[in-house]
C-alpha atoms as a PDB file:
ATOM      1  CA  MET A   1       0.088   0.019   0.012  1.00  0.00           C
ATOM      2  CA  GLU A   2       1.382   3.444  -0.913  1.00  0.00           C
ATOM      3  CA  ILE A   3       0.094   7.061  -0.714  1.00  0.00           C
ATOM      4  CA  THR A   4      -0.228   9.124  -3.929  1.00  0.00           C
ATOM      5  CA  ALA A   5       0.334  12.641  -4.724  1.00  0.00           C
ATOM      6  CA  ASP A   6      -3.539  13.017  -5.014  1.00  0.00           C
ATOM      7  CA  GLN A   7      -3.836  11.694  -1.616  1.00  0.00           C
ATOM      8  CA  ILE A   8      -1.418  14.210  -0.177  1.00  0.00           C
ATOM      9  CA  ILE A   9      -3.384  17.089  -1.859  1.00  0.00           C
ATOM     10  CA  ALA A  10      -6.591  15.625  -0.265  1.00  0.00           C
ATOM     11  CA  PHE A  11      -4.736  15.255   2.965  1.00  0.00           C
ATOM     12  CA  VAL A  12      -3.709  18.893   3.025  1.00  0.00           C
ATOM     13  CA  GLU A  13      -7.348  19.831   2.143  1.00  0.00           C
ATOM     14  CA  ARG A  14      -8.561  17.690   5.159  1.00  0.00           C
ATOM     15  CA  VAL A  15      -6.131  19.385   7.497  1.00  0.00           C
ATOM     16  CA  ALA A  16      -7.357  22.829   6.425  1.00  0.00           C
ATOM     17  CA  ALA A  17     -10.903  21.791   6.761  1.00  0.00           C
ATOM     18  CA  SER A  18     -10.166  20.269  10.289  1.00  0.00           C
ATOM     19  CA  ILE A  19      -8.397  23.242  11.520  1.00  0.00           C
ATOM     20  CA  LYS A  20     -11.167  25.637  10.366  1.00  0.00           C
ATOM     21  CA  ALA A  21     -13.813  23.379  12.183  1.00  0.00           C
ATOM     22  CA  GLU A  22     -11.722  23.382  15.329  1.00  0.00           C
ATOM     23  CA  ARG A  23     -10.305  26.995  15.103  1.00  0.00           C
ATOM     24  CA  ASP A  24     -12.353  28.423  18.180  1.00  0.00           C
ATOM     25  CA  TYR A  25     -11.400  25.106  20.200  1.00  0.00           C
ATOM     26  CA  LEU A  26      -7.772  25.532  19.620  1.00  0.00           C
ATOM     27  CA  THR A  27      -8.030  29.429  20.351  1.00  0.00           C
ATOM     28  CA  GLN A  28      -9.890  28.624  23.491  1.00  0.00           C
ATOM     29  CA  LEU A  29      -7.115  26.006  24.494  1.00  0.00           C
ATOM     30  CA  ASP A  30      -4.497  28.695  23.775  1.00  0.00           C
ATOM     31  CA  ALA A  31      -6.384  31.387  25.715  1.00  0.00           C
ATOM     32  CA  ALA A  32      -5.769  29.452  28.894  1.00  0.00           C
ATOM     33  CA  ILE A  33      -1.873  29.168  28.455  1.00  0.00           C
ATOM     34  CA  GLY A  34      -1.024  31.265  25.494  1.00  0.00           C
ATOM     35  CA  ASP A  35      -1.711  34.221  23.254  1.00  0.00           C
ATOM     36  CA  ALA A  36      -5.341  32.928  22.303  1.00  0.00           C
ATOM     37  CA  ASP A  37      -4.342  32.907  18.666  1.00  0.00           C
ATOM     38  CA  HIS A  38      -3.241  29.310  17.897  1.00  0.00           C
ATOM     39  CA  GLY A  39      -6.614  28.482  16.085  1.00  0.00           C
ATOM     40  CA  LEU A  40      -6.853  31.591  14.159  1.00  0.00           C
ATOM     41  CA  ASN A  41      -3.303  31.708  12.911  1.00  0.00           C
ATOM     42  CA  LEU A  42      -3.442  28.161  11.868  1.00  0.00           C
ATOM     43  CA  ASP A  43      -6.809  28.696  10.002  1.00  0.00           C
ATOM     44  CA  ARG A  44      -5.336  31.696   8.180  1.00  0.00           C
ATOM     45  CA  GLY A  45      -2.289  29.782   7.210  1.00  0.00           C
ATOM     46  CA  PHE A  46      -4.084  26.850   5.944  1.00  0.00           C
ATOM     47  CA  SER A  47      -6.580  28.868   4.224  1.00  0.00           C
ATOM     48  CA  VAL A  48      -3.910  30.408   2.225  1.00  0.00           C
ATOM     49  CA  VAL A  49      -2.277  26.932   1.588  1.00  0.00           C
ATOM     50  CA  ILE A  50      -5.606  25.852  -0.023  1.00  0.00           C
ATOM     51  CA  THR A  51      -5.328  28.696  -2.624  1.00  0.00           C
ATOM     52  CA  LYS A  52      -1.726  27.343  -3.598  1.00  0.00           C
ATOM     53  CA  LEU A  53      -2.834  23.610  -4.146  1.00  0.00           C
ATOM     54  CA  PRO A  54      -4.176  24.118  -7.630  1.00  0.00           C
ATOM     55  CA  ALA A  55      -0.687  25.267  -8.893  1.00  0.00           C
ATOM     56  CA  VAL A  56       0.998  21.969  -7.472  1.00  0.00           C
ATOM     57  CA  ALA A  57      -1.902  19.599  -8.093  1.00  0.00           C
ATOM     58  CA  ASP A  58       0.265  17.847 -10.841  1.00  0.00           C
ATOM     59  CA  LYS A  59       3.534  18.080  -8.994  1.00  0.00           C
ATOM     60  CA  ASP A  60       5.466  15.420  -6.986  1.00  0.00           C
ATOM     61  CA  ILE A  61       4.830  14.810  -3.329  1.00  0.00           C
ATOM     62  CA  GLY A  62       7.944  16.668  -2.181  1.00  0.00           C
ATOM     63  CA  SER A  63       6.806  19.873  -4.130  1.00  0.00           C
ATOM     64  CA  ILE A  64       3.424  19.756  -2.645  1.00  0.00           C
ATOM     65  CA  LEU A  65       4.660  19.396   0.942  1.00  0.00           C
ATOM     66  CA  LYS A  66       7.484  22.021   0.393  1.00  0.00           C
ATOM     67  CA  THR A  67       4.871  24.597  -0.952  1.00  0.00           C
ATOM     68  CA  VAL A  68       2.668  23.800   2.233  1.00  0.00           C
ATOM     69  CA  GLY A  69       5.779  24.608   4.421  1.00  0.00           C
ATOM     70  CA  MET A  70       6.803  27.657   2.655  1.00  0.00           C
ATOM     71  CA  THR A  71       3.155  29.089   2.799  1.00  0.00           C
ATOM     72  CA  LEU A  72       2.762  28.287   6.590  1.00  0.00           C
ATOM     73  CA  VAL A  73       6.324  29.901   7.328  1.00  0.00           C
ATOM     74  CA  SER A  74       5.401  33.096   5.370  1.00  0.00           C
ATOM     75  CA  THR A  75       1.659  33.432   6.468  1.00  0.00           C
ATOM     76  CA  VAL A  76       1.160  32.145   9.985  1.00  0.00           C
ATOM     77  CA  GLY A  77       1.944  34.394  12.955  1.00  0.00           C
ATOM     78  CA  GLY A  78       3.347  33.106  16.228  1.00  0.00           C
ATOM     79  CA  ALA A  79       5.354  29.893  16.836  1.00  0.00           C
ATOM     80  CA  SER A  80       3.139  27.657  15.040  1.00  0.00           C
ATOM     81  CA  GLY A  81       3.726  28.746  11.551  1.00  0.00           C
ATOM     82  CA  PRO A  82       7.613  28.530  11.568  1.00  0.00           C
ATOM     83  CA  LEU A  83       7.305  25.088  13.342  1.00  0.00           C
ATOM     84  CA  TYR A  84       4.733  23.530  11.109  1.00  0.00           C
ATOM     85  CA  GLY A  85       6.268  25.085   8.130  1.00  0.00           C
ATOM     86  CA  THR A  86       9.508  23.681   9.081  1.00  0.00           C
ATOM     87  CA  ALA A  87       7.964  20.299   9.461  1.00  0.00           C
ATOM     88  CA  PHE A  88       6.357  20.260   5.991  1.00  0.00           C
ATOM     89  CA  LEU A  89       9.453  21.628   4.321  1.00  0.00           C
ATOM     90  CA  ARG A  90      11.707  19.005   5.960  1.00  0.00           C
ATOM     91  CA  ALA A  91       9.387  16.201   5.008  1.00  0.00           C
ATOM     92  CA  GLY A  92       9.088  17.442   1.498  1.00  0.00           C
ATOM     93  CA  MET A  93      13.031  17.543   1.229  1.00  0.00           C
ATOM     94  CA  VAL A  94      13.150  13.989   2.327  1.00  0.00           C
ATOM     95  CA  ILE A  95      10.376  12.667   0.055  1.00  0.00           C
ATOM     96  CA  GLY A  96      11.814  14.612  -3.045  1.00  0.00           C
ATOM     97  CA  ASP A  97      10.295  13.985  -6.518  1.00  0.00           C
ATOM     98  CA  ARG A  98       8.170  10.773  -5.548  1.00  0.00           C
ATOM     99  CA  GLN A  99       4.701  10.341  -6.807  1.00  0.00           C
ATOM    100  CA  THR A 100       3.958   7.685  -4.353  1.00  0.00           C
ATOM    101  CA  ILE A 101       5.402   6.845  -0.918  1.00  0.00           C
ATOM    102  CA  GLY A 102       5.416   3.794   1.424  1.00  0.00           C
ATOM    103  CA  THR A 103       5.931   3.254   5.033  1.00  0.00           C
ATOM    104  CA  ILE A 104       9.786   3.584   4.967  1.00  0.00           C
ATOM    105  CA  ASN A 105       9.287   6.926   3.083  1.00  0.00           C
ATOM    106  CA  LEU A 106       6.930   8.089   5.732  1.00  0.00           C
ATOM    107  CA  ILE A 107       9.187   7.279   8.550  1.00  0.00           C
ATOM    108  CA  GLY A 108      11.968   9.253   7.169  1.00  0.00           C
ATOM    109  CA  ALA A 109       9.513  12.091   6.369  1.00  0.00           C
ATOM    110  CA  PHE A 110       8.102  12.008   9.910  1.00  0.00           C
ATOM    111  CA  GLU A 111      11.559  11.778  11.658  1.00  0.00           C
ATOM    112  CA  SER A 112      12.885  14.786   9.519  1.00  0.00           C
ATOM    113  CA  ALA A 113       9.851  16.839  10.255  1.00  0.00           C
ATOM    114  CA  LEU A 114      10.286  16.095  14.090  1.00  0.00           C
ATOM    115  CA  GLU A 115      14.009  17.057  13.852  1.00  0.00           C
ATOM    116  CA  GLY A 116      12.920  20.344  12.181  1.00  0.00           C
ATOM    117  CA  ILE A 117      10.375  21.209  14.904  1.00  0.00           C
ATOM    118  CA  GLN A 118      12.906  20.483  17.621  1.00  0.00           C
ATOM    119  CA  SER A 119      15.679  22.339  16.066  1.00  0.00           C
ATOM    120  CA  ARG A 120      13.514  25.462  15.234  1.00  0.00           C
ATOM    121  CA  GLY A 121      11.817  25.260  18.599  1.00  0.00           C
ATOM    122  CA  LYS A 122      14.884  24.413  20.731  1.00  0.00           C
ATOM    123  CA  SER A 123      12.509  21.967  22.447  1.00  0.00           C
ATOM    124  CA  THR A 124      12.217  18.398  23.521  1.00  0.00           C
ATOM    125  CA  ARG A 125       9.608  15.992  25.027  1.00  0.00           C
ATOM    126  CA  GLY A 126       8.158  16.691  28.280  1.00  0.00           C
ATOM    127  CA  GLU A 127       8.060  20.432  27.767  1.00  0.00           C
ATOM    128  CA  LYS A 128       4.244  20.592  27.055  1.00  0.00           C
ATOM    129  CA  THR A 129       4.427  21.263  23.417  1.00  0.00           C
ATOM    130  CA  MET A 130       3.303  19.744  20.140  1.00  0.00           C
ATOM    131  CA  ILE A 131       6.286  17.327  20.354  1.00  0.00           C
ATOM    132  CA  ASP A 132       4.566  15.512  23.253  1.00  0.00           C
ATOM    133  CA  ALA A 133       2.006  14.436  20.759  1.00  0.00           C
ATOM    134  CA  ILE A 134       4.224  13.906  17.737  1.00  0.00           C
ATOM    135  CA  ALA A 135       7.142  11.999  19.067  1.00  0.00           C
ATOM    136  CA  PRO A 136       5.168   9.029  20.581  1.00  0.00           C
ATOM    137  CA  GLY A 137       3.022   9.032  17.403  1.00  0.00           C
ATOM    138  CA  ILE A 138       6.073   8.512  15.241  1.00  0.00           C
ATOM    139  CA  GLU A 139       7.523   5.812  17.658  1.00  0.00           C
ATOM    140  CA  ALA A 140       4.260   3.824  17.669  1.00  0.00           C
ATOM    141  CA  PHE A 141       4.048   4.104  13.779  1.00  0.00           C
ATOM    142  CA  LYS A 142       7.598   2.933  13.420  1.00  0.00           C
ATOM    143  CA  ALA A 143       6.926   0.070  16.074  1.00  0.00           C
ATOM    144  CA  ALA A 144       3.724  -1.272  14.324  1.00  0.00           C
ATOM    145  CA  HIS A 145       5.659  -1.268  10.915  1.00  0.00           C
ATOM    146  CA  PHE A 146       8.659  -3.146  12.435  1.00  0.00           C
ATOM    147  CA  ASN A 147       6.082  -5.581  13.801  1.00  0.00           C
ATOM    148  CA  GLY A 148       4.548  -6.396  10.459  1.00  0.00           C
ATOM    149  CA  VAL A 149       1.597  -4.135  10.440  1.00  0.00           C
ATOM    150  CA  ASP A 150       0.496  -2.532   7.214  1.00  0.00           C
ATOM    151  CA  LEU A 151       0.704   1.257   6.321  1.00  0.00           C
ATOM    152  CA  LEU A 152      -2.829   2.142   7.503  1.00  0.00           C
ATOM    153  CA  GLY A 153      -2.722  -0.036  10.597  1.00  0.00           C
ATOM    154  CA  ALA A 154       0.672   1.548  11.528  1.00  0.00           C
ATOM    155  CA  LEU A 155      -0.867   4.997  11.072  1.00  0.00           C
ATOM    156  CA  GLU A 156      -3.877   4.128  13.151  1.00  0.00           C
ATOM    157  CA  GLN A 157      -1.458   2.896  15.974  1.00  0.00           C
ATOM    158  CA  GLY A 158       0.442   6.098  15.583  1.00  0.00           C
ATOM    159  CA  LEU A 159      -2.717   8.255  15.797  1.00  0.00           C
ATOM    160  CA  VAL A 160      -3.740   6.446  19.076  1.00  0.00           C
ATOM    161  CA  ALA A 161      -0.315   7.168  20.624  1.00  0.00           C
ATOM    162  CA  CYS A 162      -0.553  10.730  19.255  1.00  0.00           C
ATOM    163  CA  GLU A 163      -3.862  11.095  21.053  1.00  0.00           C
ATOM    164  CA  GLU A 164      -2.479   9.787  24.453  1.00  0.00           C
ATOM    165  CA  GLY A 165       0.541  12.128  23.987  1.00  0.00           C
ATOM    166  CA  MET A 166      -1.779  14.994  23.375  1.00  0.00           C
ATOM    167  CA  GLN A 167      -3.777  14.157  26.639  1.00  0.00           C
ATOM    168  CA  ALA A 168      -0.563  13.662  28.635  1.00  0.00           C
ATOM    169  CA  THR A 169       0.245  17.344  28.244  1.00  0.00           C
ATOM    170  CA  ILE A 170      -2.726  18.211  30.526  1.00  0.00           C
ATOM    171  CA  PRO A 171      -1.051  17.480  33.838  1.00  0.00           C
ATOM    172  CA  MET A 172       2.289  18.720  32.721  1.00  0.00           C
ATOM    173  CA  LEU A 173       4.272  21.835  33.796  1.00  0.00           C
ATOM    174  CA  ALA A 174       5.107  23.987  30.790  1.00  0.00           C
ATOM    175  CA  THR A 175       8.751  24.864  30.449  1.00  0.00           C
ATOM    176  CA  LYS A 176       8.862  26.028  26.869  1.00  0.00           C
ATOM    177  CA  GLY A 177       7.062  28.807  25.024  1.00  0.00           C
ATOM    178  CA  ARG A 178       4.464  31.361  26.218  1.00  0.00           C
ATOM    179  CA  ALA A 179       2.810  28.738  28.496  1.00  0.00           C
ATOM    180  CA  SER A 180       6.054  28.474  30.611  1.00  0.00           C
ATOM    181  CA  TYR A 181       5.512  32.042  31.789  1.00  0.00           C
ATOM    182  CA  LEU A 182       2.511  30.717  33.786  1.00  0.00           C
ATOM    183  CA  GLY A 183       4.561  28.367  35.836  1.00  0.00           C
ATOM    184  CA  GLU A 184       2.377  26.097  37.888  1.00  0.00           C
ATOM    185  CA  ARG A 185      -0.627  27.825  36.527  1.00  0.00           C
ATOM    186  CA  SER A 186      -0.003  25.837  33.252  1.00  0.00           C
ATOM    187  CA  ILE A 187      -0.911  22.521  34.744  1.00  0.00           C
ATOM    188  CA  GLY A 188      -4.263  21.269  34.089  1.00  0.00           C
ATOM    189  CA  HIS A 189      -4.541  22.554  30.471  1.00  0.00           C
ATOM    190  CA  GLN A 190      -4.181  20.585  27.242  1.00  0.00           C
ATOM    191  CA  ASP A 191      -1.484  22.055  24.965  1.00  0.00           C
ATOM    192  CA  PRO A 192      -2.903  23.556  21.775  1.00  0.00           C
ATOM    193  CA  GLY A 193      -0.096  22.794  19.760  1.00  0.00           C
ATOM    194  CA  ALA A 194      -0.166  19.007  20.753  1.00  0.00           C
ATOM    195  CA  THR A 195      -3.972  19.312  19.975  1.00  0.00           C
ATOM    196  CA  SER A 196      -3.264  20.687  16.388  1.00  0.00           C
ATOM    197  CA  ALA A 197      -0.693  18.126  15.824  1.00  0.00           C
ATOM    198  CA  TYR A 198      -3.236  15.378  16.718  1.00  0.00           C
ATOM    199  CA  LEU A 199      -5.822  16.908  14.290  1.00  0.00           C
ATOM    200  CA  ILE A 200      -3.249  16.769  11.450  1.00  0.00           C
ATOM    201  CA  ALA A 201      -2.223  13.194  12.243  1.00  0.00           C
ATOM    202  CA  LYS A 202      -6.007  12.327  12.354  1.00  0.00           C
ATOM    203  CA  ALA A 203      -6.477  13.963   8.846  1.00  0.00           C
ATOM    204  CA  LEU A 204      -3.779  11.681   7.522  1.00  0.00           C
ATOM    205  CA  VAL A 205      -5.253   8.621   8.754  1.00  0.00           C
ATOM    206  CA  GLU A 206      -8.696   9.545   7.560  1.00  0.00           C
ATOM    207  CA  THR A 207      -7.429  10.374   4.099  1.00  0.00           C
ATOM    208  CA  VAL A 208      -5.556   6.979   3.783  1.00  0.00           C
ATOM    209  CA  ARG A 209      -8.473   5.100   5.184  1.00  0.00           C
ATOM    210  CA  ARG A 210     -10.762   6.413   2.564  1.00  0.00           C
END
């Protein structure tokens, strides 16, 4: 089973729709521990991304992902634009001019995307950020693959771990980003970045499942 360039376009469209639908929820989460703009900023960015897709509809997967990344970096305010933009750019660079990708390609893309986020954000696991959802999701995806699970099954297992990682940010003390300014008051709130990361992962699973 492989993912096609057309499915990547559909995935990005699904992400944009999901972010728009959950914009107020993401902003509400961010209001508790951040600048109250996470949902608004991401919705703005992915709305612009959608306008760029027709120009890359017949391109390779790397070109599509790099276009998404460059658009997010240039249009999204706050930390989320540079972080997600870097993730898509790094994934696109790893995948290159392929028209289809399998599990091994995805592992490389996911790992490179995570490295980009960690490098750009100077952050690691346990600091109450998007990494706390993304990293366990990738680990579970890889483990499922090496245990013989097919692409969709591995993505589904990764999504479960991603959701658990998102929920695990609730009791965490934030030590990175705007939320870290709150100290102990950051405890008890779900991280908005981990939540948007879960929504993006869910959009990928739903696209492949279809």
